PDB file of all heavy atoms in Angstrom:
ATOM      1  N   PRO A   1       4.136  -1.414  -6.906  1.00  0.00           N
ATOM      2  CA  PRO A   1       5.512  -0.982  -7.151  1.00  0.00           C
ATOM      3  C   PRO A   1       5.747  -0.628  -8.608  1.00  0.00           C
ATOM      4  O   PRO A   1       5.103  -1.150  -9.503  1.00  0.00           O
ATOM      5  CB  PRO A   1       6.325  -2.218  -6.727  1.00  0.00           C
ATOM      6  CG  PRO A   1       5.470  -2.873  -5.685  1.00  0.00           C
ATOM      7  CD  PRO A   1       4.060  -2.664  -6.172  1.00  0.00           C
ATOM      8  N   SER A   2       6.700   0.254  -8.805  1.00  0.00           N
ATOM      9  CA  SER A   2       7.043   0.814 -10.116  1.00  0.00           C
ATOM     10  C   SER A   2       5.940   1.715 -10.646  1.00  0.00           C
ATOM     11  O   SER A   2       5.854   1.985 -11.832  1.00  0.00           O
ATOM     12  CB  SER A   2       7.374  -0.286 -11.140  1.00  0.00           C
ATOM     13  OG  SER A   2       8.577  -0.912 -10.786  1.00  0.00           O
ATOM     14  N   GLY A   3       5.093   2.210  -9.748  1.00  0.00           N
ATOM     15  CA  GLY A   3       4.151   3.252 -10.128  1.00  0.00           C
ATOM     16  C   GLY A   3       2.937   2.791 -10.890  1.00  0.00           C
ATOM     17  O   GLY A   3       2.165   3.611 -11.380  1.00  0.00           O
ATOM     18  N   VAL A   4       2.687   1.479 -11.012  1.00  0.00           N
ATOM     19  CA  VAL A   4       1.530   1.000 -11.753  1.00  0.00           C
ATOM     20  C   VAL A   4       0.295   1.102 -10.856  1.00  0.00           C
ATOM     21  O   VAL A   4       0.258   0.535  -9.772  1.00  0.00           O
ATOM     22  CB  VAL A   4       1.733  -0.465 -12.202  1.00  0.00           C
ATOM     23  CG1 VAL A   4       0.500  -0.969 -12.929  1.00  0.00           C
ATOM     24  CG2 VAL A   4       2.954  -0.564 -13.093  1.00  0.00           C
ATOM     25  N   VAL A   5      -0.703   1.824 -11.281  1.00  0.00           N
ATOM     26  CA  VAL A   5      -1.919   1.988 -10.502  1.00  0.00           C
ATOM     27  C   VAL A   5      -3.033   1.182 -11.140  1.00  0.00           C
ATOM     28  O   VAL A   5      -3.290   1.292 -12.336  1.00  0.00           O
ATOM     29  CB  VAL A   5      -2.331   3.473 -10.408  1.00  0.00           C
ATOM     30  CG1 VAL A   5      -3.628   3.617  -9.616  1.00  0.00           C
ATOM     31  CG2 VAL A   5      -1.228   4.287  -9.768  1.00  0.00           C
ATOM     32  N   GLN A   6      -3.671   0.312 -10.354  1.00  0.00           N
ATOM     33  CA  GLN A   6      -4.747  -0.489 -10.903  1.00  0.00           C
ATOM     34  C   GLN A   6      -5.678  -0.913  -9.773  1.00  0.00           C
ATOM     35  O   GLN A   6      -5.332  -0.836  -8.602  1.00  0.00           O
ATOM     36  CB  GLN A   6      -4.203  -1.725 -11.618  1.00  0.00           C
ATOM     37  CG  GLN A   6      -3.484  -2.700 -10.694  1.00  0.00           C
ATOM     38  CD  GLN A   6      -2.963  -3.905 -11.446  1.00  0.00           C
ATOM     39  OE1 GLN A   6      -2.498  -3.796 -12.568  1.00  0.00           O
ATOM     40  NE2 GLN A   6      -3.053  -5.062 -10.836  1.00  0.00           N
ATOM     41  N   ASN A   7      -6.878  -1.337 -10.134  1.00  0.00           N
ATOM     42  CA  ASN A   7      -7.797  -1.866  -9.144  1.00  0.00           C
ATOM     43  C   ASN A   7      -7.412  -3.303  -8.851  1.00  0.00           C
ATOM     44  O   ASN A   7      -7.173  -4.105  -9.751  1.00  0.00           O
ATOM     45  CB  ASN A   7      -9.234  -1.801  -9.660  1.00  0.00           C
ATOM     46  CG  ASN A   7      -9.740  -0.375  -9.709  1.00  0.00           C
ATOM     47  OD1 ASN A   7      -9.402   0.425  -8.843  1.00  0.00           O
ATOM     48  ND2 ASN A   7     -10.539  -0.059 -10.701  1.00  0.00           N
ATOM     49  N   SER A   8      -7.345  -3.649  -7.583  1.00  0.00           N
ATOM     50  CA  SER A   8      -6.904  -4.975  -7.210  1.00  0.00           C
ATOM     51  C   SER A   8      -7.639  -5.434  -5.967  1.00  0.00           C
ATOM     52  O   SER A   8      -7.878  -4.637  -5.057  1.00  0.00           O
ATOM     53  CB  SER A   8      -5.400  -4.967  -6.949  1.00  0.00           C
ATOM     54  OG  SER A   8      -4.959  -6.200  -6.445  1.00  0.00           O
ATOM     55  N   ALA A   9      -8.008  -6.710  -5.936  1.00  0.00           N
ATOM     56  CA  ALA A   9      -8.578  -7.291  -4.730  1.00  0.00           C
ATOM     57  C   ALA A   9      -7.417  -7.602  -3.799  1.00  0.00           C
ATOM     58  O   ALA A   9      -6.655  -8.532  -4.026  1.00  0.00           O
ATOM     59  CB  ALA A   9      -9.350  -8.550  -5.083  1.00  0.00           C
ATOM     60  N   MET A  10      -7.257  -6.815  -2.749  1.00  0.00           N
ATOM     61  CA  MET A  10      -6.083  -6.927  -1.892  1.00  0.00           C
ATOM     62  C   MET A  10      -6.414  -7.663  -0.611  1.00  0.00           C
ATOM     63  O   MET A  10      -7.484  -7.483  -0.029  1.00  0.00           O
ATOM     64  CB  MET A  10      -5.529  -5.534  -1.566  1.00  0.00           C
ATOM     65  CG  MET A  10      -4.217  -5.573  -0.788  1.00  0.00           C
ATOM     66  SD  MET A  10      -3.585  -3.939  -0.413  1.00  0.00           S
ATOM     67  CE  MET A  10      -3.200  -3.374  -2.059  1.00  0.00           C
ATOM     68  N   ASN A  11      -5.487  -8.484  -0.180  1.00  0.00           N
ATOM     69  CA  ASN A  11      -5.617  -9.160   1.093  1.00  0.00           C
ATOM     70  C   ASN A  11      -5.824  -8.123   2.197  1.00  0.00           C
ATOM     71  O   ASN A  11      -5.072  -7.149   2.281  1.00  0.00           O
ATOM     72  CB  ASN A  11      -4.349  -9.981   1.350  1.00  0.00           C
ATOM     73  CG  ASN A  11      -4.390 -10.732   2.651  1.00  0.00           C
ATOM     74  OD1 ASN A  11      -4.259 -10.144   3.706  1.00  0.00           O
ATOM     75  ND2 ASN A  11      -4.554 -12.045   2.565  1.00  0.00           N
ATOM     76  N   PRO A  12      -6.832  -8.296   3.036  1.00  0.00           N
ATOM     77  CA  PRO A  12      -7.146  -7.274   4.047  1.00  0.00           C
ATOM     78  C   PRO A  12      -6.025  -7.069   5.052  1.00  0.00           C
ATOM     79  O   PRO A  12      -5.865  -5.958   5.582  1.00  0.00           O
ATOM     80  CB  PRO A  12      -8.410  -7.811   4.716  1.00  0.00           C
ATOM     81  CG  PRO A  12      -8.423  -9.265   4.420  1.00  0.00           C
ATOM     82  CD  PRO A  12      -7.789  -9.420   3.076  1.00  0.00           C
ATOM     83  N   ASP A  13      -5.246  -8.112   5.339  1.00  0.00           N
ATOM     84  CA  ASP A  13      -4.137  -7.933   6.273  1.00  0.00           C
ATOM     85  C   ASP A  13      -3.076  -6.997   5.708  1.00  0.00           C
ATOM     86  O   ASP A  13      -2.557  -6.125   6.412  1.00  0.00           O
ATOM     87  CB  ASP A  13      -3.519  -9.288   6.611  1.00  0.00           C
ATOM     88  CG  ASP A  13      -4.403 -10.115   7.537  1.00  0.00           C
ATOM     89  OD1 ASP A  13      -5.107  -9.507   8.364  1.00  0.00           O
ATOM     90  OD2 ASP A  13      -4.387 -11.347   7.424  1.00  0.00           O
ATOM     91  N   LEU A  14      -2.744  -7.180   4.414  1.00  0.00           N
ATOM     92  CA  LEU A  14      -1.765  -6.278   3.800  1.00  0.00           C
ATOM     93  C   LEU A  14      -2.316  -4.867   3.693  1.00  0.00           C
ATOM     94  O   LEU A  14      -1.595  -3.885   3.883  1.00  0.00           O
ATOM     95  CB  LEU A  14      -1.351  -6.798   2.420  1.00  0.00           C
ATOM     96  CG  LEU A  14      -0.327  -7.932   2.382  1.00  0.00           C
ATOM     97  CD1 LEU A  14       0.082  -8.232   0.949  1.00  0.00           C
ATOM     98  CD2 LEU A  14       0.904  -7.586   3.201  1.00  0.00           C
ATOM     99  N   LEU A  15      -3.609  -4.762   3.372  1.00  0.00           N
ATOM    100  CA  LEU A  15      -4.231  -3.440   3.292  1.00  0.00           C
ATOM    101  C   LEU A  15      -4.125  -2.734   4.638  1.00  0.00           C
ATOM    102  O   LEU A  15      -3.759  -1.546   4.712  1.00  0.00           O
ATOM    103  CB  LEU A  15      -5.685  -3.579   2.874  1.00  0.00           C
ATOM    104  CG  LEU A  15      -6.482  -2.271   2.765  1.00  0.00           C
ATOM    105  CD1 LEU A  15      -5.881  -1.369   1.689  1.00  0.00           C
ATOM    106  CD2 LEU A  15      -7.949  -2.575   2.461  1.00  0.00           C
ATOM    107  N   SER A  16      -4.420  -3.454   5.702  1.00  0.00           N
ATOM    108  CA  SER A  16      -4.346  -2.873   7.041  1.00  0.00           C
ATOM    109  C   SER A  16      -2.919  -2.466   7.394  1.00  0.00           C
ATOM    110  O   SER A  16      -2.688  -1.413   7.999  1.00  0.00           O
ATOM    111  CB  SER A  16      -4.877  -3.878   8.064  1.00  0.00           C
ATOM    112  OG  SER A  16      -4.750  -3.375   9.378  1.00  0.00           O
ATOM    113  N   GLU A  17      -1.954  -3.296   7.024  1.00  0.00           N
ATOM    114  CA  GLU A  17      -0.547  -2.984   7.302  1.00  0.00           C
ATOM    115  C   GLU A  17      -0.153  -1.672   6.642  1.00  0.00           C
ATOM    116  O   GLU A  17       0.503  -0.818   7.255  1.00  0.00           O
ATOM    117  CB  GLU A  17       0.355  -4.112   6.793  1.00  0.00           C
ATOM    118  CG  GLU A  17       0.166  -5.450   7.477  1.00  0.00           C
ATOM    119  CD  GLU A  17       0.756  -5.495   8.870  1.00  0.00           C
ATOM    120  OE1 GLU A  17       1.633  -4.661   9.179  1.00  0.00           O
ATOM    121  OE2 GLU A  17       0.345  -6.361   9.658  1.00  0.00           O
ATOM    122  N   ARG A  18      -0.542  -1.499   5.406  1.00  0.00           N
ATOM    123  CA  ARG A  18      -0.148  -0.297   4.666  1.00  0.00           C
ATOM    124  C   ARG A  18      -0.847   0.949   5.198  1.00  0.00           C
ATOM    125  O   ARG A  18      -0.257   2.023   5.274  1.00  0.00           O
ATOM    126  CB  ARG A  18      -0.426  -0.494   3.176  1.00  0.00           C
ATOM    127  CG  ARG A  18       0.532  -1.508   2.555  1.00  0.00           C
ATOM    128  CD  ARG A  18       0.187  -1.918   1.162  1.00  0.00           C
ATOM    129  NE  ARG A  18       1.205  -2.844   0.654  1.00  0.00           N
ATOM    130  CZ  ARG A  18       0.964  -3.984   0.047  1.00  0.00           C
ATOM    131  NH1 ARG A  18      -0.286  -4.375  -0.179  1.00  0.00           N
ATOM    132  NH2 ARG A  18       1.958  -4.757  -0.348  1.00  0.00           N
ATOM    133  N   GLN A  19      -2.093   0.784   5.571  1.00  0.00           N
ATOM    134  CA  GLN A  19      -2.835   1.931   6.099  1.00  0.00           C
ATOM    135  C   GLN A  19      -2.305   2.356   7.459  1.00  0.00           C
ATOM    136  O   GLN A  19      -2.461   3.524   7.849  1.00  0.00           O
ATOM    137  CB  GLN A  19      -4.321   1.588   6.192  1.00  0.00           C
ATOM    138  CG  GLN A  19      -4.995   1.452   4.825  1.00  0.00           C
ATOM    139  CD  GLN A  19      -6.429   0.978   4.919  1.00  0.00           C
ATOM    140  OE1 GLN A  19      -6.838   0.377   5.925  1.00  0.00           O
ATOM    141  NE2 GLN A  19      -7.210   1.208   3.863  1.00  0.00           N
ATOM    142  N   GLY A  20      -1.654   1.441   8.170  1.00  0.00           N
ATOM    143  CA  GLY A  20      -1.156   1.771   9.503  1.00  0.00           C
ATOM    144  C   GLY A  20       0.281   2.236   9.542  1.00  0.00           C
ATOM    145  O   GLY A  20       0.830   2.460  10.628  1.00  0.00           O
ATOM    146  N   ALA A  21       0.909   2.403   8.377  1.00  0.00           N
ATOM    147  CA  ALA A  21       2.317   2.821   8.349  1.00  0.00           C
ATOM    148  C   ALA A  21       2.482   4.225   8.910  1.00  0.00           C
ATOM    149  O   ALA A  21       1.618   5.091   8.759  1.00  0.00           O
ATOM    150  CB  ALA A  21       2.855   2.760   6.925  1.00  0.00           C
ATOM    151  N   SER A  22       3.618   4.451   9.538  1.00  0.00           N
ATOM    152  CA  SER A  22       3.876   5.744  10.190  1.00  0.00           C
ATOM    153  C   SER A  22       4.517   6.760   9.254  1.00  0.00           C
ATOM    154  O   SER A  22       4.757   7.901   9.661  1.00  0.00           O
ATOM    155  CB  SER A  22       4.785   5.533  11.405  1.00  0.00           C
ATOM    156  OG  SER A  22       6.099   5.168  10.988  1.00  0.00           O
ATOM    157  N   PHE A  23       4.792   6.377   8.018  1.00  0.00           N
ATOM    158  CA  PHE A  23       5.509   7.268   7.106  1.00  0.00           C
ATOM    159  C   PHE A  23       4.949   7.121   5.703  1.00  0.00           C
ATOM    160  O   PHE A  23       4.208   6.177   5.403  1.00  0.00           O
ATOM    161  CB  PHE A  23       7.014   6.950   7.112  1.00  0.00           C
ATOM    162  CG  PHE A  23       7.335   5.565   6.598  1.00  0.00           C
ATOM    163  CD1 PHE A  23       7.666   5.361   5.272  1.00  0.00           C
ATOM    164  CD2 PHE A  23       7.288   4.467   7.445  1.00  0.00           C
ATOM    165  CE1 PHE A  23       7.950   4.086   4.794  1.00  0.00           C
ATOM    166  CE2 PHE A  23       7.577   3.192   6.976  1.00  0.00           C
ATOM    167  CZ  PHE A  23       7.896   3.005   5.649  1.00  0.00           C
ATOM    168  N   ASP A  24       5.325   8.040   4.843  1.00  0.00           N
ATOM    169  CA  ASP A  24       4.917   8.027   3.443  1.00  0.00           C
ATOM    170  C   ASP A  24       5.870   7.111   2.666  1.00  0.00           C
ATOM    171  O   ASP A  24       7.061   7.404   2.538  1.00  0.00           O
ATOM    172  CB  ASP A  24       4.969   9.456   2.879  1.00  0.00           C
ATOM    173  CG  ASP A  24       4.409   9.561   1.468  1.00  0.00           C
ATOM    174  OD1 ASP A  24       4.663   8.643   0.666  1.00  0.00           O
ATOM    175  OD2 ASP A  24       3.736  10.559   1.176  1.00  0.00           O
ATOM    176  N   ILE A  25       5.340   6.000   2.158  1.00  0.00           N
ATOM    177  CA  ILE A  25       6.169   5.011   1.468  1.00  0.00           C
ATOM    178  C   ILE A  25       6.873   5.619   0.261  1.00  0.00           C
ATOM    179  O   ILE A  25       8.051   5.360   0.005  1.00  0.00           O
ATOM    180  CB  ILE A  25       5.306   3.811   1.039  1.00  0.00           C
ATOM    181  CG1 ILE A  25       4.730   3.107   2.267  1.00  0.00           C
ATOM    182  CG2 ILE A  25       6.121   2.827   0.198  1.00  0.00           C
ATOM    183  CD1 ILE A  25       3.720   2.020   1.941  1.00  0.00           C
ATOM    184  N   GLU A  26       6.151   6.454  -0.472  1.00  0.00           N
ATOM    185  CA  GLU A  26       6.729   7.044  -1.678  1.00  0.00           C
ATOM    186  C   GLU A  26       7.946   7.905  -1.348  1.00  0.00           C
ATOM    187  O   GLU A  26       8.949   7.899  -2.072  1.00  0.00           O
ATOM    188  CB  GLU A  26       5.678   7.878  -2.408  1.00  0.00           C
ATOM    189  CG  GLU A  26       6.164   8.562  -3.674  1.00  0.00           C
ATOM    190  CD  GLU A  26       6.417   7.604  -4.827  1.00  0.00           C
ATOM    191  OE1 GLU A  26       6.128   6.404  -4.679  1.00  0.00           O
ATOM    192  OE2 GLU A  26       6.912   8.060  -5.877  1.00  0.00           O
ATOM    193  N   LYS A  27       7.887   8.627  -0.242  1.00  0.00           N
ATOM    194  CA  LYS A  27       9.019   9.477   0.144  1.00  0.00           C
ATOM    195  C   LYS A  27      10.253   8.627   0.454  1.00  0.00           C
ATOM    196  O   LYS A  27      11.381   9.010   0.120  1.00  0.00           O
ATOM    197  CB  LYS A  27       8.647  10.341   1.344  1.00  0.00           C
ATOM    198  CG  LYS A  27       7.657  11.450   1.021  1.00  0.00           C
ATOM    199  CD  LYS A  27       7.359  12.305   2.245  1.00  0.00           C
ATOM    200  CE  LYS A  27       6.390  13.436   1.898  1.00  0.00           C
ATOM    201  NZ  LYS A  27       6.056  14.270   3.087  1.00  0.00           N
ATOM    202  N   LEU A  28      10.044   7.486   1.089  1.00  0.00           N
ATOM    203  CA  LEU A  28      11.184   6.621   1.387  1.00  0.00           C
ATOM    204  C   LEU A  28      11.740   5.992   0.111  1.00  0.00           C
ATOM    205  O   LEU A  28      12.961   5.876  -0.051  1.00  0.00           O
ATOM    206  CB  LEU A  28      10.779   5.533   2.388  1.00  0.00           C
ATOM    207  CG  LEU A  28      11.892   4.570   2.818  1.00  0.00           C
ATOM    208  CD1 LEU A  28      13.136   5.316   3.280  1.00  0.00           C
ATOM    209  CD2 LEU A  28      11.392   3.632   3.914  1.00  0.00           C
TER     210      LEU A  28
END
């Protein structure tokens, strides 16, 4: 959030949730 881009070890469940979204988060 707030546009900060960095490498991060992400929880696989959250990663899966985001990859399965039906819309573009940035547009919302």
